[in-house]
Amino acid sequence: MYKVLLVDDEKRMLDLLALYLHPHQYHCVKAQDAATAMENVQKETFDIVLLDVMMPQVNGWELCEQIRKISDVPIIMLTARDQKEDIVKGLRLGADDYITKPFDEQELLARMEALLRRSISDSAVIKVAGLI
């Protein structure tokens, strides 16, 4: 089972994501703001983060930068912001992928699986090289 941090200020979106991901063997931890998300990242290990951009106080871009300072966990920006400059900004700030809402659940799952495969592969290479 993979552990996912869901970050969105809309409770309904968090609940829908968790409802969809749970049957696919994902344990979801929900955060409705950046402060709660950072507390979770600092005290727990996650396999992947799904992160909204438009949140009050600290937006998703800023949170992505903060997470990158302490973790290399795969991050997917999952947001309604669909302008090319927003996508480029998210990727340049450290996101591994960017999906716009509304999204197809199967595509989200496939992108998550792709990132997790790469993450697991990278960890195995590091272990074999004796770096862990």
N, C-alpha and C. Protein backbone atom coordinates (compact mmCIF):
# COMPACT_ATOMS: atom_id res chain seq x y z
N MET A 1 0.85 -1.18 0.00
CA MET A 1 0.00 0.00 0.00
C MET A 1 0.89 1.24 0.00
N TYR A 2 0.58 2.20 -0.87
CA TYR A 2 1.32 3.45 -0.95
C TYR A 2 0.64 4.51 -0.09
N LYS A 3 1.46 5.41 0.45
CA LYS A 3 0.96 6.49 1.29
C LYS A 3 0.99 7.79 0.50
N VAL A 4 -0.19 8.43 0.38
CA VAL A 4 -0.35 9.64 -0.43
C VAL A 4 -0.76 10.80 0.46
N LEU A 5 -0.10 11.94 0.27
CA LEU A 5 -0.53 13.17 0.93
C LEU A 5 -1.37 13.95 -0.07
N LEU A 6 -2.63 14.20 0.28
CA LEU A 6 -3.54 14.97 -0.55
C LEU A 6 -3.63 16.37 0.04
N VAL A 7 -3.33 17.40 -0.78
CA VAL A 7 -3.35 18.77 -0.28
C VAL A 7 -4.27 19.60 -1.17
N ASP A 8 -5.38 20.04 -0.59
CA ASP A 8 -6.36 20.87 -1.30
C ASP A 8 -7.20 21.58 -0.25
N ASP A 9 -7.53 22.83 -0.47
CA ASP A 9 -8.33 23.55 0.51
C ASP A 9 -9.81 23.18 0.46
N GLU A 10 -10.21 22.43 -0.56
CA GLU A 10 -11.60 22.00 -0.69
C GLU A 10 -11.76 20.59 -0.13
N LYS A 11 -12.49 20.49 0.99
CA LYS A 11 -12.70 19.20 1.63
C LYS A 11 -13.35 18.19 0.69
N ARG A 12 -14.27 18.65 -0.11
CA ARG A 12 -14.97 17.76 -1.05
C ARG A 12 -13.98 17.10 -2.02
N MET A 13 -13.01 17.88 -2.52
CA MET A 13 -12.02 17.32 -3.43
C MET A 13 -11.14 16.30 -2.72
N LEU A 14 -10.75 16.60 -1.48
CA LEU A 14 -9.95 15.65 -0.71
C LEU A 14 -10.71 14.34 -0.50
N ASP A 15 -11.98 14.46 -0.17
CA ASP A 15 -12.80 13.27 0.06
C ASP A 15 -12.98 12.46 -1.22
N LEU A 16 -13.19 13.14 -2.33
CA LEU A 16 -13.36 12.43 -3.62
C LEU A 16 -12.08 11.71 -4.03
N LEU A 17 -10.94 12.38 -3.88
CA LEU A 17 -9.66 11.75 -4.21
C LEU A 17 -9.42 10.52 -3.34
N ALA A 18 -9.64 10.66 -2.05
CA ALA A 18 -9.43 9.53 -1.14
C ALA A 18 -10.36 8.38 -1.47
N LEU A 19 -11.61 8.70 -1.77
CA LEU A 19 -12.59 7.68 -2.13
C LEU A 19 -12.16 6.92 -3.39
N TYR A 20 -11.61 7.64 -4.35
CA TYR A 20 -11.17 7.00 -5.58
C TYR A 20 -9.90 6.19 -5.38
N LEU A 21 -8.95 6.71 -4.62
CA LEU A 21 -7.64 6.06 -4.49
C LEU A 21 -7.63 4.87 -3.55
N HIS A 22 -8.46 4.88 -2.54
CA HIS A 22 -8.45 3.82 -1.53
C HIS A 22 -8.58 2.41 -2.11
N PRO A 23 -9.51 2.14 -3.02
CA PRO A 23 -9.61 0.78 -3.57
C PRO A 23 -8.40 0.35 -4.39
N HIS A 24 -7.55 1.32 -4.76
CA HIS A 24 -6.34 1.01 -5.54
C HIS A 24 -5.12 0.89 -4.65
N GLN A 25 -5.35 0.63 -3.37
CA GLN A 25 -4.29 0.38 -2.39
C GLN A 25 -3.45 1.62 -2.05
N TYR A 26 -4.11 2.76 -1.97
CA TYR A 26 -3.46 3.99 -1.53
C TYR A 26 -4.04 4.40 -0.18
N HIS A 27 -3.15 4.63 0.78
CA HIS A 27 -3.56 5.18 2.07
C HIS A 27 -3.42 6.69 1.97
N CYS A 28 -4.51 7.42 2.15
CA CYS A 28 -4.51 8.87 1.94
C CYS A 28 -4.52 9.64 3.26
N VAL A 29 -3.63 10.62 3.33
CA VAL A 29 -3.60 11.58 4.43
C VAL A 29 -4.01 12.91 3.82
N LYS A 30 -4.97 13.58 4.45
CA LYS A 30 -5.53 14.81 3.88
C LYS A 30 -5.02 16.04 4.63
N ALA A 31 -4.74 17.10 3.86
CA ALA A 31 -4.36 18.39 4.44
C ALA A 31 -5.09 19.48 3.67
N GLN A 32 -5.76 20.38 4.40
CA GLN A 32 -6.52 21.45 3.76
C GLN A 32 -5.75 22.75 3.67
N ASP A 33 -4.52 22.78 4.14
CA ASP A 33 -3.71 24.00 4.02
C ASP A 33 -2.23 23.63 4.01
N ALA A 34 -1.40 24.58 3.63
CA ALA A 34 0.03 24.34 3.50
C ALA A 34 0.70 24.02 4.83
N ALA A 35 0.29 24.68 5.90
CA ALA A 35 0.91 24.45 7.21
C ALA A 35 0.71 23.00 7.65
N THR A 36 -0.51 22.50 7.50
CA THR A 36 -0.80 21.12 7.87
C THR A 36 -0.03 20.16 6.97
N ALA A 37 0.04 20.47 5.70
CA ALA A 37 0.78 19.63 4.75
C ALA A 37 2.26 19.54 5.15
N MET A 38 2.87 20.68 5.46
CA MET A 38 4.29 20.69 5.84
C MET A 38 4.51 19.92 7.14
N GLU A 39 3.62 20.05 8.10
CA GLU A 39 3.73 19.27 9.34
C GLU A 39 3.74 17.78 9.03
N ASN A 40 2.86 17.37 8.13
CA ASN A 40 2.80 15.96 7.74
C ASN A 40 4.07 15.51 7.04
N VAL A 41 4.59 16.32 6.13
CA VAL A 41 5.81 15.96 5.39
C VAL A 41 7.00 15.87 6.34
N GLN A 42 7.04 16.73 7.35
CA GLN A 42 8.15 16.72 8.29
C GLN A 42 8.11 15.53 9.25
N LYS A 43 6.93 15.02 9.56
CA LYS A 43 6.85 13.94 10.55
C LYS A 43 6.59 12.56 9.96
N GLU A 44 6.17 12.49 8.70
CA GLU A 44 5.85 11.21 8.07
C GLU A 44 6.55 11.08 6.73
N THR A 45 6.63 9.85 6.25
CA THR A 45 7.17 9.59 4.93
C THR A 45 6.02 9.26 3.99
N PHE A 46 6.00 9.94 2.84
CA PHE A 46 4.96 9.71 1.84
C PHE A 46 5.60 9.19 0.57
N ASP A 47 4.82 8.41 -0.17
CA ASP A 47 5.29 7.90 -1.46
C ASP A 47 5.04 8.90 -2.57
N ILE A 48 4.00 9.73 -2.40
CA ILE A 48 3.64 10.71 -3.43
C ILE A 48 2.75 11.79 -2.81
N VAL A 49 2.78 12.98 -3.40
CA VAL A 49 1.95 14.10 -2.96
C VAL A 49 1.12 14.60 -4.13
N LEU A 50 -0.18 14.78 -3.90
CA LEU A 50 -1.06 15.42 -4.87
C LEU A 50 -1.37 16.79 -4.31
N LEU A 51 -1.02 17.84 -5.06
CA LEU A 51 -1.01 19.19 -4.52
C LEU A 51 -1.79 20.18 -5.39
N ASP A 52 -2.77 20.84 -4.79
CA ASP A 52 -3.52 21.90 -5.46
C ASP A 52 -2.70 23.19 -5.44
N VAL A 53 -2.90 24.06 -6.41
CA VAL A 53 -2.18 25.34 -6.46
C VAL A 53 -2.93 26.41 -5.68
N MET A 54 -4.22 26.56 -5.95
CA MET A 54 -4.98 27.68 -5.40
C MET A 54 -5.47 27.39 -4.00
N MET A 55 -4.67 27.83 -3.02
CA MET A 55 -5.03 27.68 -1.61
C MET A 55 -4.77 29.01 -0.91
N PRO A 56 -5.49 29.27 0.18
CA PRO A 56 -5.27 30.52 0.91
C PRO A 56 -3.93 30.52 1.65
N GLN A 57 -3.49 31.67 2.08
CA GLN A 57 -2.22 31.89 2.77
C GLN A 57 -1.03 31.48 1.90
N VAL A 58 -0.67 30.21 1.92
CA VAL A 58 0.46 29.72 1.12
C VAL A 58 -0.09 28.89 -0.03
N ASN A 59 0.23 29.30 -1.26
CA ASN A 59 -0.31 28.57 -2.41
C ASN A 59 0.52 27.31 -2.69
N GLY A 60 0.03 26.51 -3.62
CA GLY A 60 0.67 25.25 -3.95
C GLY A 60 2.07 25.39 -4.52
N TRP A 61 2.32 26.47 -5.26
CA TRP A 61 3.66 26.66 -5.80
C TRP A 61 4.66 26.88 -4.67
N GLU A 62 4.29 27.72 -3.71
CA GLU A 62 5.17 27.97 -2.57
C GLU A 62 5.37 26.71 -1.74
N LEU A 63 4.28 25.97 -1.54
CA LEU A 63 4.38 24.72 -0.78
C LEU A 63 5.27 23.71 -1.50
N CYS A 64 5.16 23.64 -2.79
CA CYS A 64 6.00 22.74 -3.58
C CYS A 64 7.48 23.07 -3.34
N GLU A 65 7.82 24.35 -3.37
CA GLU A 65 9.20 24.77 -3.11
C GLU A 65 9.64 24.39 -1.70
N GLN A 66 8.75 24.57 -0.73
CA GLN A 66 9.09 24.23 0.66
C GLN A 66 9.32 22.73 0.82
N ILE A 67 8.46 21.93 0.19
CA ILE A 67 8.62 20.47 0.27
C ILE A 67 9.94 20.07 -0.36
N ARG A 68 10.27 20.66 -1.50
CA ARG A 68 11.51 20.32 -2.21
C ARG A 68 12.77 20.61 -1.38
N LYS A 69 12.70 21.55 -0.47
CA LYS A 69 13.84 21.86 0.38
C LYS A 69 14.17 20.73 1.35
N ILE A 70 13.17 19.88 1.65
CA ILE A 70 13.39 18.83 2.64
C ILE A 70 13.11 17.41 2.14
N SER A 71 12.55 17.29 0.93
CA SER A 71 12.16 15.97 0.45
C SER A 71 12.19 15.88 -1.07
N ASP A 72 12.45 14.69 -1.56
CA ASP A 72 12.38 14.45 -3.00
C ASP A 72 11.16 13.59 -3.36
N VAL A 73 10.16 13.58 -2.47
CA VAL A 73 8.93 12.83 -2.73
C VAL A 73 8.32 13.29 -4.06
N PRO A 74 7.84 12.36 -4.88
CA PRO A 74 7.18 12.76 -6.12
C PRO A 74 5.96 13.65 -5.84
N ILE A 75 5.85 14.74 -6.60
CA ILE A 75 4.74 15.69 -6.44
C ILE A 75 4.01 15.84 -7.76
N ILE A 76 2.69 15.67 -7.71
CA ILE A 76 1.84 15.96 -8.86
C ILE A 76 0.98 17.16 -8.50
N MET A 77 1.10 18.23 -9.27
CA MET A 77 0.21 19.38 -9.11
C MET A 77 -1.12 18.98 -9.73
N LEU A 78 -2.19 19.11 -8.97
CA LEU A 78 -3.52 18.74 -9.42
C LEU A 78 -4.41 19.96 -9.22
N THR A 79 -4.63 20.71 -10.30
CA THR A 79 -5.19 22.04 -10.16
C THR A 79 -6.06 22.46 -11.33
N ALA A 80 -6.89 23.45 -11.11
CA ALA A 80 -7.73 24.01 -12.17
C ALA A 80 -6.94 25.00 -13.04
N ARG A 81 -5.77 25.41 -12.60
CA ARG A 81 -4.96 26.37 -13.37
C ARG A 81 -4.36 25.65 -14.56
N ASP A 82 -4.84 26.00 -15.76
CA ASP A 82 -4.47 25.25 -16.95
C ASP A 82 -3.69 26.05 -17.99
N GLN A 83 -3.24 27.24 -17.64
CA GLN A 83 -2.45 28.04 -18.58
C GLN A 83 -1.05 27.46 -18.69
N LYS A 84 -0.50 27.51 -19.90
CA LYS A 84 0.83 26.95 -20.13
C LYS A 84 1.86 27.51 -19.16
N GLU A 85 1.80 28.82 -18.88
CA GLU A 85 2.79 29.40 -17.96
C GLU A 85 2.64 28.86 -16.54
N ASP A 86 1.41 28.49 -16.14
CA ASP A 86 1.20 27.89 -14.83
C ASP A 86 1.81 26.49 -14.77
N ILE A 87 1.62 25.74 -15.83
CA ILE A 87 2.17 24.39 -15.91
C ILE A 87 3.69 24.44 -15.84
N VAL A 88 4.29 25.31 -16.65
CA VAL A 88 5.75 25.46 -16.67
C VAL A 88 6.26 25.90 -15.30
N LYS A 89 5.57 26.84 -14.68
CA LYS A 89 5.97 27.32 -13.36
C LYS A 89 5.97 26.18 -12.34
N GLY A 90 4.90 25.40 -12.32
CA GLY A 90 4.82 24.28 -11.39
C GLY A 90 5.95 23.28 -11.58
N LEU A 91 6.23 22.94 -12.82
CA LEU A 91 7.31 21.99 -13.11
C LEU A 91 8.67 22.56 -12.74
N ARG A 92 8.87 23.82 -13.00
CA ARG A 92 10.16 24.46 -12.66
C ARG A 92 10.37 24.61 -11.17
N LEU A 93 9.29 24.70 -10.42
CA LEU A 93 9.40 24.85 -8.96
C LEU A 93 9.59 23.51 -8.25
N GLY A 94 9.53 22.42 -9.01
CA GLY A 94 9.82 21.12 -8.40
C GLY A 94 8.78 20.05 -8.55
N ALA A 95 7.64 20.36 -9.16
CA ALA A 95 6.64 19.31 -9.37
C ALA A 95 7.15 18.31 -10.41
N ASP A 96 6.77 17.06 -10.24
CA ASP A 96 7.17 16.01 -11.18
C ASP A 96 6.17 15.85 -12.32
N ASP A 97 4.94 16.30 -12.07
CA ASP A 97 3.90 16.21 -13.09
C ASP A 97 2.85 17.27 -12.77
N TYR A 98 1.98 17.53 -13.73
CA TYR A 98 0.97 18.59 -13.59
C TYR A 98 -0.29 18.12 -14.32
N ILE A 99 -1.38 18.02 -13.58
CA ILE A 99 -2.65 17.57 -14.14
C ILE A 99 -3.70 18.64 -13.85
N THR A 100 -4.49 18.98 -14.86
CA THR A 100 -5.51 20.02 -14.67
C THR A 100 -6.87 19.39 -14.38
N LYS A 101 -7.63 20.09 -13.54
CA LYS A 101 -9.01 19.72 -13.22
C LYS A 101 -9.92 20.32 -14.27
N PRO A 102 -10.98 19.65 -14.64
CA PRO A 102 -11.33 18.29 -14.24
C PRO A 102 -10.37 17.29 -14.88
N PHE A 103 -10.13 16.20 -14.22
CA PHE A 103 -9.16 15.21 -14.70
C PHE A 103 -9.84 13.86 -14.82
N ASP A 104 -9.23 13.01 -15.60
CA ASP A 104 -9.70 11.63 -15.75
C ASP A 104 -9.03 10.79 -14.66
N GLU A 105 -9.83 10.07 -13.90
CA GLU A 105 -9.30 9.30 -12.78
C GLU A 105 -8.28 8.25 -13.23
N GLN A 106 -8.53 7.60 -14.35
CA GLN A 106 -7.61 6.58 -14.85
C GLN A 106 -6.26 7.21 -15.25
N GLU A 107 -6.30 8.40 -15.83
CA GLU A 107 -5.06 9.09 -16.19
C GLU A 107 -4.28 9.47 -14.92
N LEU A 108 -4.98 9.98 -13.91
CA LEU A 108 -4.32 10.32 -12.65
C LEU A 108 -3.65 9.08 -12.07
N LEU A 109 -4.37 7.98 -12.02
CA LEU A 109 -3.82 6.75 -11.48
C LEU A 109 -2.59 6.29 -12.27
N ALA A 110 -2.66 6.36 -13.59
CA ALA A 110 -1.54 5.95 -14.43
C ALA A 110 -0.32 6.84 -14.21
N ARG A 111 -0.53 8.14 -14.07
CA ARG A 111 0.59 9.05 -13.83
C ARG A 111 1.21 8.81 -12.45
N MET A 112 0.36 8.54 -11.46
CA MET A 112 0.87 8.22 -10.13
C MET A 112 1.72 6.95 -10.18
N GLU A 113 1.21 5.93 -10.85
CA GLU A 113 1.93 4.67 -10.96
C GLU A 113 3.27 4.85 -11.66
N ALA A 114 3.30 5.69 -12.70
CA ALA A 114 4.54 5.94 -13.42
C ALA A 114 5.58 6.60 -12.51
N LEU A 115 5.16 7.59 -11.75
CA LEU A 115 6.08 8.26 -10.83
C LEU A 115 6.56 7.31 -9.73
N LEU A 116 5.66 6.50 -9.23
CA LEU A 116 6.03 5.56 -8.17
C LEU A 116 7.00 4.50 -8.70
N ARG A 117 6.80 4.05 -9.92
CA ARG A 117 7.74 3.08 -10.52
C ARG A 117 9.13 3.68 -10.59
N ARG A 118 9.21 4.92 -11.05
CA ARG A 118 10.51 5.59 -11.18
C ARG A 118 11.13 5.81 -9.81
N SER A 119 10.34 6.19 -8.83
CA SER A 119 10.82 6.43 -7.48
C SER A 119 11.37 5.16 -6.86
N ILE A 120 10.66 4.06 -7.02
CA ILE A 120 11.10 2.77 -6.48
C ILE A 120 12.37 2.32 -7.19
N SER A 121 12.44 2.52 -8.49
CA SER A 121 13.62 2.16 -9.27
C SER A 121 14.84 2.95 -8.81
N ASP A 122 14.67 4.26 -8.59
CA ASP A 122 15.77 5.11 -8.12
C ASP A 122 16.26 4.65 -6.75
N SER A 123 15.34 4.28 -5.86
CA SER A 123 15.71 3.82 -4.52
C SER A 123 16.50 2.52 -4.60
N ALA A 124 16.09 1.63 -5.49
CA ALA A 124 16.79 0.36 -5.63
C ALA A 124 18.22 0.57 -6.14
N VAL A 125 18.41 1.48 -7.07
CA VAL A 125 19.74 1.78 -7.60
C VAL A 125 20.64 2.34 -6.50
N ILE A 126 20.08 3.23 -5.70
CA ILE A 126 20.85 3.82 -4.60
C ILE A 126 21.25 2.75 -3.59
N LYS A 127 20.33 1.84 -3.26
CA LYS A 127 20.65 0.77 -2.31
C LYS A 127 21.73 -0.15 -2.86
N VAL A 128 21.63 -0.52 -4.13
CA VAL A 128 22.62 -1.39 -4.76
C VAL A 128 23.99 -0.71 -4.76
N ALA A 129 24.00 0.60 -4.98
CA ALA A 129 25.27 1.33 -5.01
C ALA A 129 25.84 1.54 -3.61
N GLY A 130 25.07 1.15 -2.57
CA GLY A 130 25.55 1.28 -1.21
C GLY A 130 25.47 2.68 -0.65
N LEU A 131 24.59 3.51 -1.22
CA LEU A 131 24.49 4.88 -0.76
C LEU A 131 23.48 5.07 0.35
N ILE A 132 22.71 4.04 0.67
CA ILE A 132 21.75 4.13 1.78
C ILE A 132 22.23 3.27 2.92
